[in-house]
Amino acid sequence: MTPQNTSKYLDFALEMAAAAETPIMRHFRHCEADCKPDGSEVTIADREAETVIRDMIAARYPDHGVIGEEFGDAGSGDKAFQWVIDPIDGTTSFAWGIHAFGTLIALMENGQPIVGVINMPALKEAVYGAKGEGCWFREGSSEPQRVCVAPCDRLEDALISTSTIAATDLDPKTRQPGYRLSEVIRRARKLRFCGDCIQHALVCRGRIHAAIDPVMQPWDIAALIPCIEEAGGVATSLTGEREHVVFRGSLLTSANADLHAEIVKRLRPAR
C-alpha cells in the first residue's frame, strides 16, 4: 500500500464519518436504547449511521468487505480489503445523553489495520491516522494538528484510564481470575474511568499515558490501532499480543514499550 493510496482511503473514511454525524446527532438525547441478545445496547442512531456508511462503501468500493457491529460481516472473509465499523462506540453514553462516544471506521488490508478514524461528533473532535501518514487531531473546523504520545517510562509516573472493571479482579461477577486492575491502580500515579474510544484518543494526543479495555470486539479495536501506532504508541491485547490484535478481545494502548510491558505484567491474572 503506497502512502498515496492510504491517504485516499483515509480521506474516504473521514468523509463517511462526517456523513454518519447527521443521523447520530439527530437522535442524540432523543432516543432510547434497546438490548441486543448479547446484552449490549443499540439505538436507532447506531443502525442508521451504519447504514449510511455501508451504502457509501458499496457505492465507492463494491469489491471491499464490511464488518460492522450492527449488521455483521458482509462477505468479508475472502476480501483483501475490509472496512470495520462501529457506528457509535459508547452507545450507553450516547443513550444517557453523555458526550463521550465516537464513530470508529477502519480499513484492514489482508487483516492488518491501515486506516483508522475516531470521530467524536458531540465533542466536535476527531483523531485519525493511516499507515505511514502519522496521527492527527482536529477540533471543530480548525486545521488538523499532528499528535504523538507523551513520554512516560514508569507506571508510577503514568496517568492511566480504563473503560470498565469487567473481567478484572475488581468485578464481583467475574468467576475466573480476572486481569489484576487493582495492581495497576495501586502503582499508577493516577487512574480514572474514561469510556471506550475516547480514552485511546487521549493516549494518541499525549493527554494520558495508557488506556485499558478488558472486553472488546473487532469493531471496537480496528480503528484505534493505526491511530495509536502512528502517534508513536504501542497497542496489544491485555496479554501483550500484537499479532491479530483486532480479534484478541481486549486492548491496551500506551506511550512506549517499557510502560506497556510493565502494565501487561501487572495485569496478568494471579495463578
Protein backbone atom coordinates (compact mmCIF):
# COMPACT_ATOMS: atom_id res chain seq x y z
CA MET A 1 0.00 0.00 0.00
CA THR A 2 1.56 3.29 -1.09
CA PRO A 3 1.13 6.44 1.03
CA GLN A 4 -0.92 7.97 -1.80
CA ASN A 5 -3.44 5.12 -1.73
CA THR A 6 -3.50 5.06 2.07
CA SER A 7 -4.24 8.78 2.10
CA LYS A 8 -7.06 8.23 -0.39
CA TYR A 9 -8.70 5.68 1.87
CA LEU A 10 -8.23 7.89 4.93
CA ASP A 11 -9.96 10.78 3.17
CA PHE A 12 -12.86 8.49 2.34
CA ALA A 13 -13.08 7.24 5.94
CA LEU A 14 -13.28 10.85 7.15
CA GLU A 15 -15.97 11.54 4.56
CA MET A 16 -18.01 8.59 5.85
CA ALA A 17 -17.57 9.65 9.47
CA ALA A 18 -18.85 13.13 8.61
CA ALA A 19 -21.88 11.68 6.80
CA ALA A 20 -22.70 9.48 9.81
CA GLU A 21 -22.86 12.54 12.07
CA THR A 22 -26.27 13.54 10.66
CA PRO A 23 -28.29 10.54 11.90
CA ILE A 24 -26.23 10.30 15.08
CA MET A 25 -26.71 13.88 16.21
CA ARG A 26 -30.34 13.94 15.08
CA HIS A 27 -31.09 11.22 17.64
CA PHE A 28 -28.67 12.32 20.38
CA ARG A 29 -30.68 12.85 23.58
CA HIS A 30 -33.86 11.97 21.69
CA CYS A 31 -33.86 8.15 21.62
CA GLU A 32 -33.92 5.13 23.86
CA ALA A 33 -31.61 2.11 23.84
CA ASP A 34 -32.73 -1.46 23.28
CA CYS A 35 -30.87 -4.57 24.42
CA LYS A 36 -29.45 -6.97 21.85
CA PRO A 37 -29.33 -10.74 22.53
CA ASP A 38 -25.74 -10.44 23.78
CA GLY A 39 -26.79 -7.86 26.38
CA SER A 40 -25.19 -4.86 24.65
CA GLU A 41 -27.23 -1.80 23.81
CA VAL A 42 -28.33 -0.44 20.43
CA THR A 43 -30.28 2.61 19.28
CA ILE A 44 -31.89 3.71 16.04
CA ALA A 45 -28.91 6.03 15.59
CA ASP A 46 -26.48 3.06 15.58
CA ARG A 47 -28.42 1.34 12.83
CA GLU A 48 -28.99 4.43 10.71
CA ALA A 49 -25.35 5.54 10.93
CA GLU A 50 -24.02 2.11 9.97
CA THR A 51 -26.43 2.01 7.03
CA VAL A 52 -25.12 5.35 5.79
CA ILE A 53 -21.52 4.11 5.99
CA ARG A 54 -22.26 0.76 4.35
CA ASP A 55 -24.11 2.44 1.48
CA MET A 56 -21.14 4.73 0.85
CA ILE A 57 -18.72 1.79 0.79
CA ALA A 58 -20.96 -0.18 -1.57
CA ALA A 59 -21.11 2.77 -3.95
CA ARG A 60 -17.38 3.58 -3.90
CA TYR A 61 -15.72 0.20 -3.30
CA PRO A 62 -18.20 -2.59 -4.08
CA ASP A 63 -15.40 -5.17 -4.05
CA HIS A 64 -14.44 -4.41 -0.43
CA GLY A 65 -15.76 -6.38 2.52
CA VAL A 66 -17.51 -4.82 5.51
CA ILE A 67 -17.64 -5.88 9.15
CA GLY A 68 -19.99 -3.81 11.32
CA GLU A 69 -21.34 -4.05 14.83
CA GLU A 70 -25.00 -3.79 13.88
CA PHE A 71 -25.23 -5.72 10.60
CA GLY A 72 -22.37 -8.18 10.85
CA ASP A 73 -19.98 -9.44 8.21
CA ALA A 74 -20.94 -8.70 4.60
CA GLY A 75 -18.96 -11.40 2.78
CA SER A 76 -15.61 -10.17 4.07
CA GLY A 77 -13.87 -13.48 4.56
CA ASP A 78 -12.07 -13.65 1.20
CA LYS A 79 -11.64 -9.90 0.63
CA ALA A 80 -8.19 -8.29 0.68
CA PHE A 81 -9.75 -5.04 1.92
CA GLN A 82 -12.22 -4.99 4.80
CA TRP A 83 -13.88 -1.96 6.35
CA VAL A 84 -14.60 -2.36 10.06
CA ILE A 85 -17.32 -0.12 11.50
CA ASP A 86 -18.64 0.77 14.93
CA PRO A 87 -21.22 3.48 14.23
CA ILE A 88 -21.44 4.51 17.89
CA ASP A 89 -18.70 3.29 20.19
CA GLY A 90 -20.10 4.08 23.62
CA THR A 91 -23.81 3.51 22.98
CA THR A 92 -24.54 3.63 26.71
CA SER A 93 -23.06 7.12 26.98
CA PHE A 94 -24.92 8.15 23.83
CA ALA A 95 -28.24 6.85 25.18
CA TRP A 96 -27.66 8.60 28.52
CA GLY A 97 -27.02 11.90 26.75
CA ILE A 98 -23.30 11.98 27.62
CA HIS A 99 -20.88 13.35 25.01
CA ALA A 100 -18.28 10.58 25.46
CA PHE A 101 -18.93 8.46 22.37
CA GLY A 102 -17.49 8.19 18.89
CA THR A 103 -17.77 6.64 15.45
CA LEU A 104 -14.99 4.18 14.58
CA ILE A 105 -14.10 3.44 10.96
CA ALA A 106 -11.12 1.30 9.95
CA LEU A 107 -9.76 -0.24 6.79
CA MET A 108 -7.84 -3.50 7.00
CA GLU A 109 -5.60 -4.83 4.25
CA ASN A 110 -5.05 -8.59 4.48
CA GLY A 111 -6.07 -8.49 8.13
CA GLN A 112 -3.85 -5.54 9.13
CA PRO A 113 -5.46 -2.20 10.08
CA ILE A 114 -4.01 0.52 7.84
CA VAL A 115 -6.54 3.35 8.31
CA GLY A 116 -8.36 4.43 11.45
CA VAL A 117 -10.78 7.24 12.28
CA ILE A 118 -12.11 8.10 15.74
CA ASN A 119 -14.79 10.73 15.18
CA MET A 120 -16.44 12.27 18.25
CA PRO A 121 -19.34 14.35 16.88
CA ALA A 122 -20.75 15.60 20.18
CA LEU A 123 -17.30 16.84 21.19
CA LYS A 124 -16.60 18.16 17.67
CA GLU A 125 -13.26 16.36 17.72
CA ALA A 126 -11.58 13.70 15.62
CA VAL A 127 -8.38 11.68 15.88
CA TYR A 128 -7.29 9.77 12.80
CA GLY A 129 -4.31 8.09 11.22
CA ALA A 130 -3.10 5.91 8.37
CA LYS A 131 -0.05 3.73 7.97
CA GLY A 132 2.90 5.96 7.12
CA GLU A 133 0.80 9.13 7.35
CA GLY A 134 1.02 10.00 11.06
CA CYS A 135 -1.76 10.57 13.59
CA TRP A 136 -3.80 13.77 13.53
CA PHE A 137 -6.19 15.67 15.79
CA ARG A 138 -8.86 18.03 14.54
CA GLU A 139 -11.07 20.21 16.70
CA GLY A 140 -14.13 21.74 15.05
CA SER A 141 -13.23 23.46 11.80
CA SER A 142 -9.63 24.18 12.84
CA GLU A 143 -6.65 22.90 10.89
CA PRO A 144 -5.60 19.36 11.86
CA GLN A 145 -2.54 19.05 14.07
CA ARG A 146 -0.19 16.10 14.09
CA VAL A 147 -0.13 14.46 17.53
CA CYS A 148 2.05 11.98 19.37
CA VAL A 149 2.08 10.09 22.65
CA ALA A 150 3.58 11.64 25.77
CA PRO A 151 6.86 10.25 27.16
CA CYS A 152 6.46 8.08 30.26
CA ASP A 153 8.57 5.04 31.08
CA ARG A 154 7.37 4.10 34.57
CA LEU A 155 3.98 3.07 35.86
CA GLU A 156 4.35 5.21 38.98
CA ASP A 157 4.56 8.29 36.75
CA ALA A 158 1.70 7.29 34.47
CA LEU A 159 -1.80 8.72 34.02
CA ILE A 160 -4.00 5.79 33.08
CA SER A 161 -7.63 5.22 32.22
CA THR A 162 -9.86 2.19 31.93
CA SER A 163 -13.32 1.75 30.47
CA THR A 164 -14.66 -0.83 32.93
CA ILE A 165 -13.93 -3.21 35.76
CA ALA A 166 -15.47 -6.11 33.77
CA ALA A 167 -13.19 -9.15 33.51
CA THR A 168 -10.88 -7.75 36.20
CA ASP A 169 -10.22 -8.67 39.81
CA LEU A 170 -12.47 -5.77 40.84
CA ASP A 171 -15.52 -7.24 39.11
CA PRO A 172 -17.72 -9.21 41.53
CA LYS A 173 -19.31 -11.01 38.54
CA THR A 174 -16.03 -12.46 37.25
CA ARG A 175 -15.86 -16.16 38.11
CA GLN A 176 -12.39 -16.84 36.71
CA PRO A 177 -9.28 -14.93 37.80
CA GLY A 178 -9.54 -11.54 36.15
CA TYR A 179 -6.95 -9.06 34.98
CA ARG A 180 -5.35 -7.53 38.05
CA LEU A 181 -6.56 -3.97 37.61
CA SER A 182 -6.05 -3.44 41.33
CA GLU A 183 -2.29 -3.86 40.82
CA VAL A 184 -2.26 -1.13 38.19
CA ILE A 185 -4.32 1.20 40.37
CA ARG A 186 -2.00 0.59 43.32
CA ARG A 187 1.12 1.55 41.36
CA ALA A 188 -0.03 4.15 38.83
CA ARG A 189 0.29 7.84 39.51
CA LYS A 190 -3.42 8.22 38.78
CA LEU A 191 -6.21 6.12 37.25
CA ARG A 192 -9.59 7.35 36.09
CA PHE A 193 -12.55 5.74 34.32
CA CYS A 194 -12.99 7.04 30.78
CA GLY A 195 -15.28 5.44 28.26
CA ASP A 196 -14.49 3.49 25.16
CA CYS A 197 -12.65 5.11 22.22
CA ILE A 198 -12.28 8.46 23.99
CA GLN A 199 -9.53 7.13 26.25
CA HIS A 200 -7.45 5.79 23.38
CA ALA A 201 -7.78 9.10 21.55
CA LEU A 202 -6.35 10.74 24.67
CA VAL A 203 -3.34 8.41 24.54
CA CYS A 204 -2.77 9.42 20.90
CA ARG A 205 -2.81 13.08 21.90
CA GLY A 206 -0.42 12.63 24.82
CA ARG A 207 -3.03 13.63 27.39
CA ILE A 208 -2.75 10.31 29.24
CA HIS A 209 -0.13 7.56 29.06
CA ALA A 210 -2.15 4.35 28.79
CA ALA A 211 -5.71 3.07 28.31
CA ILE A 212 -7.07 -0.33 29.34
CA ASP A 213 -10.07 -2.07 27.73
CA PRO A 214 -10.61 -5.58 29.13
CA VAL A 215 -13.57 -6.54 26.89
CA MET A 216 -13.55 -5.57 23.21
CA GLN A 217 -14.91 -6.62 19.81
CA PRO A 218 -13.10 -6.25 16.45
CA TRP A 219 -15.11 -3.14 15.55
CA ASP A 220 -14.07 -1.57 18.87
CA ILE A 221 -10.38 -2.17 18.16
CA ALA A 222 -9.54 -1.90 14.45
CA ALA A 223 -9.72 1.89 14.04
CA LEU A 224 -7.63 2.51 17.17
CA ILE A 225 -4.54 0.60 16.02
CA PRO A 226 -3.34 2.90 13.18
CA CYS A 227 -4.02 5.96 15.33
CA ILE A 228 -2.01 4.73 18.31
CA GLU A 229 0.88 3.32 16.31
CA GLU A 230 1.18 6.36 14.04
CA ALA A 231 1.23 8.51 17.19
CA GLY A 232 4.28 6.52 18.33
CA GLY A 233 2.49 4.34 20.86
CA VAL A 234 2.05 0.61 21.44
CA ALA A 235 -1.15 -1.41 21.04
CA THR A 236 -1.67 -5.05 22.04
CA SER A 237 -4.15 -7.25 23.78
CA LEU A 238 -4.05 -7.09 27.58
CA THR A 239 -1.86 -10.19 27.49
CA GLY A 240 0.65 -8.49 25.20
CA GLU A 241 -0.07 -9.94 21.73
CA ARG A 242 0.17 -7.61 18.75
CA GLU A 243 -0.44 -10.24 16.05
CA HIS A 244 -4.14 -10.41 15.13
CA VAL A 245 -4.81 -7.86 17.87
CA VAL A 246 -8.10 -6.80 16.25
CA PHE A 247 -9.53 -10.22 17.13
CA ARG A 248 -7.95 -10.72 20.57
CA GLY A 249 -10.88 -9.45 22.63
CA SER A 250 -9.09 -6.80 24.70
CA LEU A 251 -6.86 -3.79 24.14
CA LEU A 252 -4.07 -1.98 25.94
CA THR A 253 -2.63 1.16 24.38
CA SER A 254 0.30 3.01 25.87
CA ALA A 255 3.06 5.54 25.27
CA ASN A 256 6.02 3.17 24.87
CA ALA A 257 7.26 -0.40 25.12
CA ASP A 258 8.68 -0.15 28.67
CA LEU A 259 5.49 1.20 30.20
CA HIS A 260 3.44 -1.22 28.15
CA ALA A 261 5.40 -4.23 29.35
CA GLU A 262 5.03 -3.21 32.98
CA ILE A 263 1.27 -2.78 32.68
CA VAL A 264 0.92 -6.16 30.95
CA LYS A 265 2.92 -7.74 33.78
CA ARG A 266 0.79 -6.11 36.48
CA LEU A 267 -2.48 -7.02 34.76
CA ARG A 268 -1.60 -10.71 34.44
CA PRO A 269 -4.19 -12.73 36.38
CA ALA A 270 -2.95 -14.39 39.56
CA ARG A 271 -2.43 -18.12 39.23
